[in-house]
């Protein structure tokens, strides 16, 4: 059994219920696996948000709930001394609150900045995946069904953006969610296996608006837009909507694209060497006869 959490960024609405539930569980009192989380300065479930787009015409936001990833080969474990960090048989990575005292290098080792320093206790701290609850027979008895056990963050999510379960069981809810969605590992952990799996984290988009000739003062509805990746040769196709807008999401980063726009009765338009180093609105394009 390998316990894990799947996080669907596409479904997250930044309500901070998971963040609040984590604080409610760990602030103000110790558990068997951790000292009390401070009320300020630590984000065991960190809601990372950023604004996307380089034009006021096309602005979007992205939200990626980010706890410790409970890595298969944890950098924090390698940095720790005297067994201060250990991985349980179920894959959950735990920082021992006694053995880790003074070991600030454990904080520095985390590639996604998910380990925090408790100045009062002089220890590193992070998400425990609520293992203290998962291990508690009284908690399981309270639930009435072991299948209902979940970390508090997962339990509190109103939008079903978080899944919990056995990653080794292909029939578990979490495994089915992972199979049905796009796995998008955090960049700092690319190529590594983790027990927290991120789904549908956006990469970059290209977008634009197509107009009929200026004298018509009308947008072009249904214009065909083709994006061609010059590095890989792959193509993406879309059409403009009722506002003349087009957009293609989840493009490979730092590649060069040619954009071809076609509309019956008008000359084709072309943009060349558009780089996907960031989300980019290529602008308003006017068709000509």
Protein backbone atom coordinates (compact mmCIF):
# COMPACT_ATOMS: atom_id res chain seq x y z
CA UNK A 1 0.00 0.00 0.00
CA UNK A 2 1.24 3.46 -0.92
CA UNK A 3 -0.92 6.30 0.35
CA UNK A 4 -1.08 9.51 -1.62
CA UNK A 5 -3.00 12.63 -2.56
CA UNK A 6 -3.90 13.69 -6.09
CA UNK A 7 -4.47 17.43 -6.62
CA UNK A 8 -6.49 18.59 -9.63
CA UNK A 9 -5.50 22.23 -10.13
CA UNK A 10 -8.23 22.68 -12.71
CA UNK A 11 -10.88 22.07 -10.04
CA UNK A 12 -9.32 24.27 -7.33
CA UNK A 13 -11.26 27.49 -6.75
CA UNK A 14 -8.95 29.06 -4.13
CA UNK A 15 -11.48 28.75 -1.32
CA UNK A 16 -8.67 27.90 1.15
CA UNK A 17 -10.79 25.22 2.87
CA UNK A 18 -7.88 22.75 2.70
CA UNK A 19 -5.49 25.36 4.09
CA UNK A 20 -7.86 26.17 6.96
CA UNK A 21 -8.52 22.51 7.75
CA UNK A 22 -4.77 21.88 7.97
CA UNK A 23 -4.38 24.80 10.37
CA UNK A 24 -7.33 23.59 12.42
CA UNK A 25 -5.77 20.13 12.76
CA UNK A 26 -2.19 21.14 13.56
CA UNK A 27 -2.14 24.63 15.11
CA UNK A 28 -2.05 25.00 18.87
CA UNK A 29 -1.36 21.45 19.98
CA UNK A 30 1.14 18.64 19.46
CA UNK A 31 0.41 15.27 17.87
CA UNK A 32 2.29 12.00 18.08
CA UNK A 33 4.14 12.87 14.88
CA UNK A 34 4.65 16.64 15.06
CA UNK A 35 4.92 19.65 17.30
CA UNK A 36 2.19 22.26 17.02
CA UNK A 37 2.23 24.21 13.77
CA UNK A 38 2.63 27.96 14.34
CA UNK A 39 -0.38 30.06 13.41
CA UNK A 40 1.76 32.27 11.19
CA UNK A 41 4.58 31.62 8.75
CA UNK A 42 3.95 27.97 7.90
CA UNK A 43 1.82 26.67 5.03
CA UNK A 44 1.69 22.88 5.17
CA UNK A 45 -0.95 23.18 2.45
CA UNK A 46 0.32 26.14 0.46
CA UNK A 47 -2.12 27.61 -2.08
CA UNK A 48 0.20 28.92 -4.77
CA UNK A 49 -1.44 31.34 -7.17
CA UNK A 50 -0.20 33.48 -9.99
CA UNK A 51 -1.55 35.75 -12.68
CA UNK A 52 -1.20 34.51 -16.24
CA UNK A 53 -0.93 36.54 -19.41
CA UNK A 54 1.06 39.46 -20.78
CA UNK A 55 -1.85 41.64 -21.91
CA UNK A 56 -4.83 43.19 -20.19
CA UNK A 57 -6.91 41.68 -22.99
CA UNK A 58 -6.30 38.11 -21.83
CA UNK A 59 -5.62 37.60 -18.11
CA UNK A 60 -6.15 34.32 -16.26
CA UNK A 61 -5.08 32.90 -12.92
CA UNK A 62 -3.61 29.56 -11.92
CA UNK A 63 -3.96 27.86 -8.55
CA UNK A 64 -1.83 24.95 -7.37
CA UNK A 65 -2.37 23.63 -3.83
CA UNK A 66 1.12 22.49 -2.77
CA UNK A 67 1.88 20.40 0.31
CA UNK A 68 4.98 18.27 0.83
CA UNK A 69 5.14 15.83 -2.09
CA UNK A 70 6.19 12.85 0.08
CA UNK A 71 8.82 11.91 -2.48
CA UNK A 72 9.87 8.34 -3.16
CA UNK A 73 13.49 9.47 -2.83
CA UNK A 74 13.21 12.49 -0.49
CA UNK A 75 15.89 15.17 -0.59
CA UNK A 76 15.02 16.06 3.02
CA UNK A 77 15.74 12.49 4.13
CA UNK A 78 19.15 12.60 2.45
CA UNK A 79 19.98 15.88 4.17
CA UNK A 80 18.86 14.73 7.61
CA UNK A 81 21.14 13.26 10.26
CA UNK A 82 20.51 10.58 12.88
CA UNK A 83 17.25 9.40 11.34
CA UNK A 84 15.54 12.75 11.76
CA UNK A 85 13.51 12.14 8.57
CA UNK A 86 12.06 8.73 7.77
CA UNK A 87 9.65 7.20 5.29
CA UNK A 88 6.91 4.92 6.52
CA UNK A 89 5.90 1.67 4.84
CA UNK A 90 2.86 3.44 3.39
CA UNK A 91 5.12 6.04 1.73
CA UNK A 92 4.37 8.98 4.04
CA UNK A 93 7.50 10.99 4.86
CA UNK A 94 7.76 12.18 8.46
CA UNK A 95 10.16 14.58 10.21
CA UNK A 96 10.86 13.41 13.75
CA UNK A 97 10.20 16.42 16.00
CA UNK A 98 12.84 15.34 18.53
CA UNK A 99 15.67 14.06 16.34
CA UNK A 100 15.39 16.95 13.89
CA UNK A 101 16.13 19.67 16.43
CA UNK A 102 18.67 22.16 15.06
CA UNK A 103 18.76 20.55 11.59
CA UNK A 104 17.89 23.53 9.46
CA UNK A 105 19.50 21.86 6.44
CA UNK A 106 16.34 19.77 6.16
CA UNK A 107 14.43 22.95 5.30
CA UNK A 108 16.98 24.02 2.71
CA UNK A 109 16.98 20.60 1.02
CA UNK A 110 13.34 20.69 -0.09
CA UNK A 111 13.18 21.54 -3.83
CA UNK A 112 9.62 22.91 -3.61
CA UNK A 113 10.01 24.87 -0.34
CA UNK A 114 7.42 22.75 1.47
CA UNK A 115 9.44 22.38 4.70
CA UNK A 116 9.33 25.20 7.27
CA UNK A 117 11.50 26.22 10.22
CA UNK A 118 9.89 26.51 13.64
CA UNK A 119 11.90 29.15 15.42
CA UNK A 120 10.37 28.40 18.81
CA UNK A 121 11.23 24.71 18.81
CA UNK A 122 14.23 24.99 16.44
CA UNK A 123 12.91 22.19 14.25
CA UNK A 124 11.84 21.72 10.62
CA UNK A 125 8.15 20.97 10.01
CA UNK A 126 5.88 20.01 7.14
CA UNK A 127 2.74 18.16 6.07
CA UNK A 128 2.32 14.75 7.75
CA UNK A 129 -0.57 13.77 5.44
CA UNK A 130 -2.50 13.65 8.75
CA UNK A 131 -0.86 10.30 9.49
CA UNK A 132 -1.63 10.82 13.18
CA UNK A 133 -5.33 10.61 12.27
CA UNK A 134 -4.91 7.75 9.81
CA UNK A 135 -3.17 5.73 12.54
CA UNK A 136 -5.72 6.51 15.25
CA UNK A 137 -8.13 3.59 15.88
CA UNK A 138 -10.53 5.94 17.65
CA UNK A 139 -10.69 8.11 14.54
CA UNK A 140 -11.40 5.06 12.38
CA UNK A 141 -14.06 3.90 14.83
CA UNK A 142 -15.63 7.36 14.71
CA UNK A 143 -15.82 7.20 10.92
CA UNK A 144 -17.37 3.74 10.98
CA UNK A 145 -15.65 2.69 7.75
CA UNK A 146 -11.85 2.63 7.18
CA UNK A 147 -12.48 3.58 3.54
CA UNK A 148 -13.64 7.00 4.73
CA UNK A 149 -10.32 7.93 6.33
CA UNK A 150 -8.75 10.95 4.69
CA UNK A 151 -6.33 13.75 5.56
CA UNK A 152 -8.16 16.85 6.72
CA UNK A 153 -7.31 18.80 3.56
CA UNK A 154 -8.96 16.18 1.34
CA UNK A 155 -11.92 15.84 3.67
CA UNK A 156 -12.60 19.59 3.56
CA UNK A 157 -12.40 20.24 -0.19
CA UNK A 158 -15.89 21.26 -1.43
CA UNK A 159 -14.98 21.03 -5.11
CA UNK A 160 -13.50 17.52 -5.26
CA UNK A 161 -10.11 18.86 -6.28
CA UNK A 162 -8.30 16.52 -3.87
CA UNK A 163 -8.26 12.71 -3.90
CA UNK A 164 -6.78 10.38 -1.29
CA UNK A 165 -6.13 6.67 -1.37
CA UNK A 166 -3.86 3.79 -2.29
CA UNK A 167 -1.71 4.62 -5.30
CA UNK A 168 -0.81 0.95 -5.69
CA UNK A 169 -4.46 -0.04 -6.16
CA UNK A 170 -5.51 0.60 -9.79
CA UNK A 171 -9.17 0.46 -8.75
CA UNK A 172 -8.89 3.11 -6.03
CA UNK A 173 -10.54 6.49 -6.57
CA UNK A 174 -7.19 8.24 -6.62
CA UNK A 175 -5.72 5.88 -9.22
CA UNK A 176 -8.75 6.33 -11.45
CA UNK A 177 -8.51 10.12 -11.14
CA UNK A 178 -4.83 10.04 -12.11
CA UNK A 179 -5.53 7.78 -15.09
CA UNK A 180 -8.32 10.05 -16.32
CA UNK A 181 -6.37 13.30 -16.14
CA UNK A 182 -3.09 14.86 -17.25
CA UNK A 183 -0.28 14.31 -14.75
CA UNK A 184 1.72 17.55 -14.48
CA UNK A 185 4.60 17.10 -12.09
CA UNK A 186 5.92 20.23 -10.42
CA UNK A 187 8.92 21.52 -12.36
CA UNK A 188 11.31 21.24 -9.42
CA UNK A 189 10.39 17.54 -9.05
CA UNK A 190 10.29 16.66 -12.73
CA UNK A 191 11.20 13.02 -13.32
CA UNK A 192 10.76 12.05 -9.67
CA UNK A 193 8.09 9.76 -8.25
CA UNK A 194 6.04 11.34 -5.48
CA UNK A 195 3.05 10.33 -3.39
CA UNK A 196 1.41 13.69 -4.00
CA UNK A 197 0.46 13.78 -7.67
CA UNK A 198 -0.43 17.05 -9.37
CA UNK A 199 -2.97 16.99 -12.19
CA UNK A 200 -3.75 19.59 -14.85
CA UNK A 201 -1.30 22.27 -13.72
CA UNK A 202 -1.34 24.70 -16.67
CA UNK A 203 1.82 25.23 -18.69
CA UNK A 204 1.47 28.12 -21.16
CA UNK A 205 -1.15 29.38 -23.59
CA UNK A 206 -1.16 31.38 -26.79
CA UNK A 207 -4.18 33.50 -27.63
CA UNK A 208 -5.34 36.25 -29.95
CA UNK A 209 -8.31 37.98 -31.57
CA UNK A 210 -9.24 37.98 -35.27
CA UNK A 211 -11.21 40.81 -36.89
CA UNK A 212 -12.69 41.32 -40.31
CA UNK A 213 -11.21 44.30 -42.21
CA UNK A 214 -11.22 47.42 -40.05
CA UNK A 215 -13.99 49.14 -42.01
CA UNK A 216 -16.46 46.40 -40.98
CA UNK A 217 -15.80 46.85 -37.26
CA UNK A 218 -16.69 43.19 -36.73
CA UNK A 219 -14.89 40.15 -35.39
CA UNK A 220 -14.29 37.01 -37.44
CA UNK A 221 -16.33 34.16 -35.99
CA UNK A 222 -15.16 30.63 -36.83
CA UNK A 223 -11.76 31.51 -38.30
CA UNK A 224 -9.45 28.49 -38.32
CA UNK A 225 -6.28 28.90 -36.25
CA UNK A 226 -3.42 26.41 -36.58
CA UNK A 227 -0.40 26.39 -34.29
CA UNK A 228 2.68 24.48 -35.45
CA UNK A 229 5.55 23.70 -33.09
CA UNK A 230 8.79 24.22 -35.00
CA UNK A 231 10.78 21.98 -32.65
CA UNK A 232 8.50 18.94 -32.49
CA UNK A 233 6.31 19.42 -35.57
CA UNK A 234 3.07 18.92 -33.62
CA UNK A 235 0.00 20.93 -34.55
CA UNK A 236 -2.88 22.37 -32.54
CA UNK A 237 -6.08 23.60 -34.19
CA UNK A 238 -8.91 25.77 -32.90
CA UNK A 239 -11.46 28.31 -34.17
CA UNK A 240 -12.37 31.80 -33.06
CA UNK A 241 -15.44 32.19 -30.84
CA UNK A 242 -18.30 34.70 -31.03
CA UNK A 243 -15.95 37.41 -29.77
CA UNK A 244 -13.32 36.61 -32.39
CA UNK A 245 -11.04 35.23 -29.68
CA UNK A 246 -8.96 32.07 -29.89
CA UNK A 247 -6.82 30.32 -27.30
CA UNK A 248 -4.75 27.14 -27.07
CA UNK A 249 -3.74 25.93 -23.59
CA UNK A 250 -1.12 23.51 -22.27
CA UNK A 251 1.51 24.11 -24.94
CA UNK A 252 5.10 22.94 -24.44
CA UNK A 253 7.24 25.59 -22.82
CA UNK A 254 10.11 27.43 -24.49
CA UNK A 255 9.34 26.22 -27.99
CA UNK A 256 8.87 28.27 -31.17
CA UNK A 257 5.49 28.34 -32.92
CA UNK A 258 4.12 29.46 -36.27
CA UNK A 259 0.47 30.55 -36.23
CA UNK A 260 -1.68 30.37 -39.35
CA UNK A 261 -5.13 31.97 -39.47
CA UNK A 262 -7.58 31.18 -42.29
CA UNK A 263 -11.05 32.55 -43.02
CA UNK A 264 -12.99 31.97 -46.26
CA UNK A 265 -12.84 34.88 -48.68
CA UNK A 266 -9.85 36.54 -47.02
CA UNK A 267 -6.08 36.32 -47.23
CA UNK A 268 -4.48 34.03 -44.65
CA UNK A 269 -2.60 35.60 -41.74
CA UNK A 270 0.63 34.27 -40.29
CA UNK A 271 2.70 34.85 -37.14
CA UNK A 272 6.17 33.32 -37.01
CA UNK A 273 8.57 32.36 -34.25
CA UNK A 274 6.23 32.99 -31.31
CA UNK A 275 8.08 31.71 -28.24
CA UNK A 276 6.17 29.98 -25.44
CA UNK A 277 8.46 31.20 -22.67
CA UNK A 278 5.32 32.59 -21.01
CA UNK A 279 1.58 32.95 -21.58
CA UNK A 280 1.24 35.22 -24.57
CA UNK A 281 -1.53 37.20 -26.27
CA UNK A 282 -0.33 37.75 -29.81
CA UNK A 283 -2.70 40.64 -30.37
CA UNK A 284 -5.58 41.71 -32.61
CA UNK A 285 -5.33 40.57 -36.24
CA UNK A 286 -7.24 42.16 -39.11
CA UNK A 287 -8.11 40.16 -42.21
CA UNK A 288 -7.71 41.60 -45.70
CA UNK A 289 -9.33 40.68 -49.00
